[in-house]
Amino acid sequence: MERISWHQYFMAQSHLLALRSTCTRLMVGATIVRDKRIIAGGYNGSISGGKHCIDEGCFLIDNHCVRTIHAEINALLQCAKFGVPAEGAEIYVTHFPCLNCCKSIIQAGIKKVYYAEDYKNHDFAVELFEQAGVAVEQVELEEMILDTKNREKLSFTARLLKQLEERGAENEEIAKLKEEANRLYTSST
């Protein structure tokens, strides 16, 4: 069996962290790594003990949710809280960092940013990373390593089965398809 690459391992960790997000607009995760060791992680969500977007809705100002702390900031704050230097580390983020996160990453001394998906990549953020000598590289998560679209696939499958049922497919055929879908979505292998 071939092991996954370090990039895929750390990016998968960031995607797992994103699953803890309480933001209803975009789920983001960030993992800070030094010497191939995870030193901190974060996801976008509200302050500890605060109201969450999933409970209260987003608090939008200029089309930006101000209720949440970004994943990158949460990971950097975790370093600060526990006295772990971020200087010289790398960060793996599910989405390209926003301008404010870019500046924080630079100020923390992180030397390399790996991100999975483009997301409103700001030209000035790209310029600042270049000025600061921070390398930026897109490393998409390979779908087979971590299925980040499971909810969408499950919903799609349910809609298809319902349409088949509404269009007169045999009950026995629908039952078999539902059983197969259940096996696929609940299998741990």
Foldseek 3Di string as FASTA:
>chain_A
DDDDDLLLVQLVVFLVQLVPELAPPGRKKKFKDDPSHTDFIFIKFADVPDDTCNHVNFDDDPNDGPRIDHGLVRRVVVCVVVVNQSAAIEMEMQEDDDQVSLVVCLVSNHAEYEYAYYDPDDPVSVVVCVVSNRHYYYDHHDCVVDPSCLVVVLVVLVVVLVVCVVVPDDPVVSVVSVVVVCCVSPPPD
